[in-house]
Amino acid sequence: QCAVLVLLLRRKLGALGLARMLPSLALAALASLLAGAAGWGVAHLGAWERGGNDLVNLAVLAGALAASGLVFLAAAAALGAPELARVRAAVVRRLGRR
């Protein structure tokens, strides 16, 4: 879907400068792969045959989501993703802290 949307957008707007985005896309893909692996690993701790509404499974799901998010942030920071600094600055600005 993303590829189709990019093609349609390119037809409408012309050159999008995708070549400049490739390094960032590669970093995001690697961080996403690591985050997915972490979430998958934690999700294996659940007893999913009992269903998704089981309290233990809900806790495992929450843990898998938290692990995925933390691993993504850590991987993005370790890989030097420039977007991470921009997101942090926006959050700090939004919260009104320095």
N, C-alpha and C. Protein backbone atom coordinates (compact mmCIF):
# COMPACT_ATOMS: atom_id res chain seq x y z
N GLN A 1 0.81 -1.18 0.00
CA GLN A 1 0.00 0.00 0.00
C GLN A 1 0.86 1.26 0.00
N CYS A 2 1.91 1.22 0.78
CA CYS A 2 2.80 2.38 0.86
C CYS A 2 3.41 2.68 -0.50
N ALA A 3 3.85 1.64 -1.20
CA ALA A 3 4.46 1.84 -2.51
C ALA A 3 3.45 2.43 -3.49
N VAL A 4 2.22 1.96 -3.46
CA VAL A 4 1.19 2.49 -4.35
C VAL A 4 0.92 3.95 -4.02
N LEU A 5 0.82 4.28 -2.75
CA LEU A 5 0.58 5.66 -2.35
C LEU A 5 1.73 6.58 -2.77
N VAL A 6 2.95 6.09 -2.62
CA VAL A 6 4.11 6.89 -3.05
C VAL A 6 4.07 7.12 -4.55
N LEU A 7 3.75 6.08 -5.31
CA LEU A 7 3.66 6.24 -6.77
C LEU A 7 2.58 7.24 -7.16
N LEU A 8 1.43 7.16 -6.51
CA LEU A 8 0.36 8.10 -6.81
C LEU A 8 0.74 9.53 -6.42
N LEU A 9 1.39 9.67 -5.28
CA LEU A 9 1.83 11.00 -4.84
C LEU A 9 2.88 11.56 -5.79
N ARG A 10 3.77 10.69 -6.25
CA ARG A 10 4.82 11.14 -7.18
C ARG A 10 4.21 11.61 -8.50
N ARG A 11 3.18 10.91 -8.96
CA ARG A 11 2.50 11.34 -10.19
C ARG A 11 1.88 12.72 -10.01
N LYS A 12 1.35 12.95 -8.84
CA LYS A 12 0.64 14.21 -8.59
C LYS A 12 1.60 15.36 -8.32
N LEU A 13 2.70 15.12 -7.57
CA LEU A 13 3.60 16.19 -7.15
C LEU A 13 4.91 16.25 -7.91
N GLY A 14 5.27 15.16 -8.57
CA GLY A 14 6.58 15.12 -9.22
C GLY A 14 7.60 14.48 -8.28
N ALA A 15 8.86 14.84 -8.47
CA ALA A 15 9.94 14.24 -7.67
C ALA A 15 9.72 14.49 -6.18
N LEU A 16 9.89 13.45 -5.38
CA LEU A 16 9.67 13.55 -3.94
C LEU A 16 10.97 13.56 -3.14
N GLY A 17 12.09 13.37 -3.80
CA GLY A 17 13.36 13.32 -3.07
C GLY A 17 13.52 12.03 -2.27
N LEU A 18 13.04 10.94 -2.82
CA LEU A 18 13.08 9.66 -2.10
C LEU A 18 14.50 9.17 -1.84
N ALA A 19 15.41 9.49 -2.74
CA ALA A 19 16.80 9.03 -2.56
C ALA A 19 17.40 9.59 -1.27
N ARG A 20 17.01 10.80 -0.91
CA ARG A 20 17.52 11.39 0.34
C ARG A 20 16.93 10.71 1.57
N MET A 21 15.77 10.08 1.39
CA MET A 21 15.10 9.44 2.53
C MET A 21 15.56 8.00 2.75
N LEU A 22 16.27 7.42 1.79
CA LEU A 22 16.64 6.01 1.90
C LEU A 22 17.45 5.68 3.16
N PRO A 23 18.45 6.48 3.55
CA PRO A 23 19.16 6.15 4.78
C PRO A 23 18.23 6.12 6.01
N SER A 24 17.34 7.08 6.11
CA SER A 24 16.40 7.10 7.23
C SER A 24 15.44 5.92 7.18
N LEU A 25 15.00 5.58 5.98
CA LEU A 25 14.11 4.43 5.83
C LEU A 25 14.82 3.13 6.23
N ALA A 26 16.09 3.02 5.87
CA ALA A 26 16.86 1.83 6.24
C ALA A 26 17.03 1.74 7.75
N LEU A 27 17.31 2.87 8.41
CA LEU A 27 17.43 2.88 9.87
C LEU A 27 16.11 2.50 10.52
N ALA A 28 15.02 3.06 10.02
CA ALA A 28 13.71 2.75 10.58
C ALA A 28 13.35 1.29 10.37
N ALA A 29 13.69 0.75 9.21
CA ALA A 29 13.41 -0.66 8.93
C ALA A 29 14.19 -1.57 9.86
N LEU A 30 15.47 -1.25 10.09
CA LEU A 30 16.28 -2.07 11.00
C LEU A 30 15.76 -1.97 12.43
N ALA A 31 15.44 -0.76 12.88
CA ALA A 31 14.90 -0.58 14.23
C ALA A 31 13.56 -1.31 14.37
N SER A 32 12.75 -1.28 13.32
CA SER A 32 11.46 -1.97 13.33
C SER A 32 11.63 -3.48 13.38
N LEU A 33 12.62 -3.99 12.66
CA LEU A 33 12.89 -5.42 12.67
C LEU A 33 13.30 -5.88 14.08
N LEU A 34 14.17 -5.10 14.72
CA LEU A 34 14.59 -5.44 16.07
C LEU A 34 13.43 -5.33 17.06
N ALA A 35 12.59 -4.31 16.90
CA ALA A 35 11.43 -4.14 17.77
C ALA A 35 10.45 -5.30 17.59
N GLY A 36 10.23 -5.69 16.34
CA GLY A 36 9.35 -6.82 16.08
C GLY A 36 9.87 -8.11 16.69
N ALA A 37 11.17 -8.31 16.61
CA ALA A 37 11.77 -9.51 17.21
C ALA A 37 11.59 -9.52 18.72
N ALA A 38 11.75 -8.35 19.33
CA ALA A 38 11.57 -8.26 20.79
C ALA A 38 10.12 -8.55 21.17
N GLY A 39 9.19 -7.95 20.46
CA GLY A 39 7.78 -8.19 20.74
C GLY A 39 7.39 -9.64 20.51
N TRP A 40 7.91 -10.23 19.45
CA TRP A 40 7.63 -11.63 19.15
C TRP A 40 8.16 -12.53 20.26
N GLY A 41 9.38 -12.21 20.72
CA GLY A 41 9.97 -13.01 21.79
C GLY A 41 9.16 -12.95 23.08
N VAL A 42 8.72 -11.76 23.45
CA VAL A 42 7.92 -11.61 24.68
C VAL A 42 6.56 -12.27 24.50
N ALA A 43 5.97 -12.15 23.32
CA ALA A 43 4.64 -12.73 23.08
C ALA A 43 4.64 -14.24 23.24
N HIS A 44 5.77 -14.88 23.07
CA HIS A 44 5.84 -16.33 23.25
C HIS A 44 5.68 -16.75 24.71
N LEU A 45 5.71 -15.81 25.61
CA LEU A 45 5.51 -16.12 27.03
C LEU A 45 4.03 -16.34 27.36
N GLY A 46 3.15 -15.94 26.45
CA GLY A 46 1.71 -16.08 26.70
C GLY A 46 1.22 -17.49 26.44
N ALA A 47 0.10 -17.79 27.06
CA ALA A 47 -0.59 -19.06 26.83
C ALA A 47 -1.80 -18.73 25.98
N TRP A 48 -1.59 -18.55 24.69
CA TRP A 48 -2.61 -18.00 23.80
C TRP A 48 -3.75 -18.95 23.54
N GLU A 49 -3.57 -20.22 23.87
CA GLU A 49 -4.68 -21.17 23.73
C GLU A 49 -5.81 -20.84 24.70
N ARG A 50 -5.52 -20.03 25.74
CA ARG A 50 -6.56 -19.61 26.70
C ARG A 50 -7.32 -18.40 26.20
N GLY A 51 -6.90 -17.83 25.10
CA GLY A 51 -7.62 -16.69 24.53
C GLY A 51 -6.94 -15.38 24.85
N GLY A 52 -7.34 -14.37 24.13
CA GLY A 52 -6.72 -13.06 24.28
C GLY A 52 -7.21 -12.27 25.47
N ASN A 53 -8.33 -12.67 26.08
CA ASN A 53 -8.86 -11.93 27.22
C ASN A 53 -8.39 -12.46 28.56
N ASP A 54 -7.55 -13.46 28.54
CA ASP A 54 -6.97 -13.98 29.77
C ASP A 54 -6.06 -12.91 30.37
N LEU A 55 -6.13 -12.70 31.69
CA LEU A 55 -5.35 -11.64 32.33
C LEU A 55 -3.85 -11.79 32.12
N VAL A 56 -3.38 -13.01 32.16
CA VAL A 56 -1.94 -13.24 31.94
C VAL A 56 -1.58 -12.86 30.51
N ASN A 57 -2.41 -13.26 29.57
CA ASN A 57 -2.14 -12.92 28.17
C ASN A 57 -2.22 -11.42 27.93
N LEU A 58 -3.12 -10.74 28.60
CA LEU A 58 -3.19 -9.29 28.46
C LEU A 58 -1.91 -8.64 29.00
N ALA A 59 -1.40 -9.17 30.10
CA ALA A 59 -0.14 -8.66 30.65
C ALA A 59 1.03 -8.95 29.70
N VAL A 60 1.02 -10.13 29.11
CA VAL A 60 2.07 -10.47 28.14
C VAL A 60 1.98 -9.56 26.93
N LEU A 61 0.78 -9.30 26.46
CA LEU A 61 0.59 -8.39 25.32
C LEU A 61 1.11 -6.99 25.66
N ALA A 62 0.77 -6.50 26.84
CA ALA A 62 1.27 -5.18 27.26
C ALA A 62 2.79 -5.19 27.34
N GLY A 63 3.35 -6.26 27.85
CA GLY A 63 4.81 -6.38 27.92
C GLY A 63 5.45 -6.43 26.55
N ALA A 64 4.81 -7.13 25.63
CA ALA A 64 5.34 -7.23 24.26
C ALA A 64 5.30 -5.86 23.58
N LEU A 65 4.22 -5.13 23.78
CA LEU A 65 4.13 -3.79 23.20
C LEU A 65 5.16 -2.85 23.81
N ALA A 66 5.32 -2.91 25.12
CA ALA A 66 6.31 -2.06 25.79
C ALA A 66 7.72 -2.42 25.34
N ALA A 67 8.02 -3.71 25.27
CA ALA A 67 9.35 -4.14 24.85
C ALA A 67 9.62 -3.68 23.42
N SER A 68 8.64 -3.82 22.55
CA SER A 68 8.81 -3.39 21.16
C SER A 68 9.10 -1.90 21.08
N GLY A 69 8.33 -1.11 21.81
CA GLY A 69 8.54 0.34 21.79
C GLY A 69 9.89 0.74 22.32
N LEU A 70 10.28 0.14 23.43
CA LEU A 70 11.58 0.47 24.03
C LEU A 70 12.74 0.04 23.13
N VAL A 71 12.63 -1.14 22.54
CA VAL A 71 13.69 -1.61 21.65
C VAL A 71 13.78 -0.73 20.41
N PHE A 72 12.62 -0.31 19.88
CA PHE A 72 12.65 0.59 18.73
C PHE A 72 13.37 1.89 19.07
N LEU A 73 13.00 2.49 20.20
CA LEU A 73 13.65 3.75 20.61
C LEU A 73 15.14 3.56 20.85
N ALA A 74 15.51 2.48 21.53
CA ALA A 74 16.92 2.22 21.80
C ALA A 74 17.70 1.97 20.51
N ALA A 75 17.11 1.21 19.60
CA ALA A 75 17.78 0.93 18.32
C ALA A 75 17.91 2.20 17.49
N ALA A 76 16.85 3.01 17.46
CA ALA A 76 16.91 4.26 16.70
C ALA A 76 17.98 5.18 17.28
N ALA A 77 18.07 5.23 18.61
CA ALA A 77 19.10 6.06 19.24
C ALA A 77 20.49 5.51 18.94
N ALA A 78 20.66 4.20 19.04
CA ALA A 78 21.97 3.58 18.80
C ALA A 78 22.40 3.75 17.34
N LEU A 79 21.43 3.74 16.44
CA LEU A 79 21.74 3.87 15.02
C LEU A 79 21.89 5.33 14.60
N GLY A 80 21.60 6.24 15.51
CA GLY A 80 21.75 7.66 15.23
C GLY A 80 20.68 8.23 14.32
N ALA A 81 19.46 7.77 14.48
CA ALA A 81 18.35 8.26 13.65
C ALA A 81 18.10 9.74 13.94
N PRO A 82 18.25 10.59 12.94
CA PRO A 82 18.09 12.03 13.18
C PRO A 82 16.66 12.42 13.55
N GLU A 83 15.68 11.63 13.13
CA GLU A 83 14.29 11.94 13.44
C GLU A 83 14.01 11.86 14.95
N LEU A 84 14.77 11.03 15.63
CA LEU A 84 14.56 10.86 17.06
C LEU A 84 14.80 12.17 17.81
N ALA A 85 15.82 12.90 17.44
CA ALA A 85 16.10 14.19 18.08
C ALA A 85 14.98 15.18 17.79
N ARG A 86 14.45 15.14 16.59
CA ARG A 86 13.36 16.05 16.23
C ARG A 86 12.08 15.72 17.00
N VAL A 87 11.81 14.44 17.17
CA VAL A 87 10.62 14.03 17.92
C VAL A 87 10.78 14.44 19.38
N ARG A 88 11.97 14.22 19.93
CA ARG A 88 12.23 14.61 21.32
C ARG A 88 12.05 16.11 21.50
N ALA A 89 12.58 16.89 20.59
CA ALA A 89 12.45 18.35 20.67
C ALA A 89 10.98 18.77 20.59
N ALA A 90 10.22 18.12 19.74
CA ALA A 90 8.80 18.45 19.62
C ALA A 90 8.04 18.11 20.91
N VAL A 91 8.37 16.98 21.51
CA VAL A 91 7.72 16.58 22.76
C VAL A 91 8.08 17.56 23.87
N VAL A 92 9.36 17.91 23.96
CA VAL A 92 9.80 18.86 24.99
C VAL A 92 9.10 20.20 24.78
N ARG A 93 9.02 20.64 23.54
CA ARG A 93 8.35 21.91 23.23
C ARG A 93 6.88 21.84 23.61
N ARG A 94 6.25 20.72 23.31
CA ARG A 94 4.83 20.55 23.61
C ARG A 94 4.58 20.55 25.11
N LEU A 95 5.49 19.95 25.86
CA LEU A 95 5.32 19.89 27.31
C LEU A 95 5.77 21.19 27.98
N GLY A 96 6.43 22.05 27.24
CA GLY A 96 6.85 23.33 27.79
C GLY A 96 8.05 23.26 28.70
N ARG A 97 8.86 22.22 28.55
CA ARG A 97 10.07 22.06 29.37
C ARG A 97 11.30 22.25 28.51
N ARG A 98 12.42 22.48 29.18
CA ARG A 98 13.67 22.61 28.44
C ARG A 98 14.68 21.61 28.91
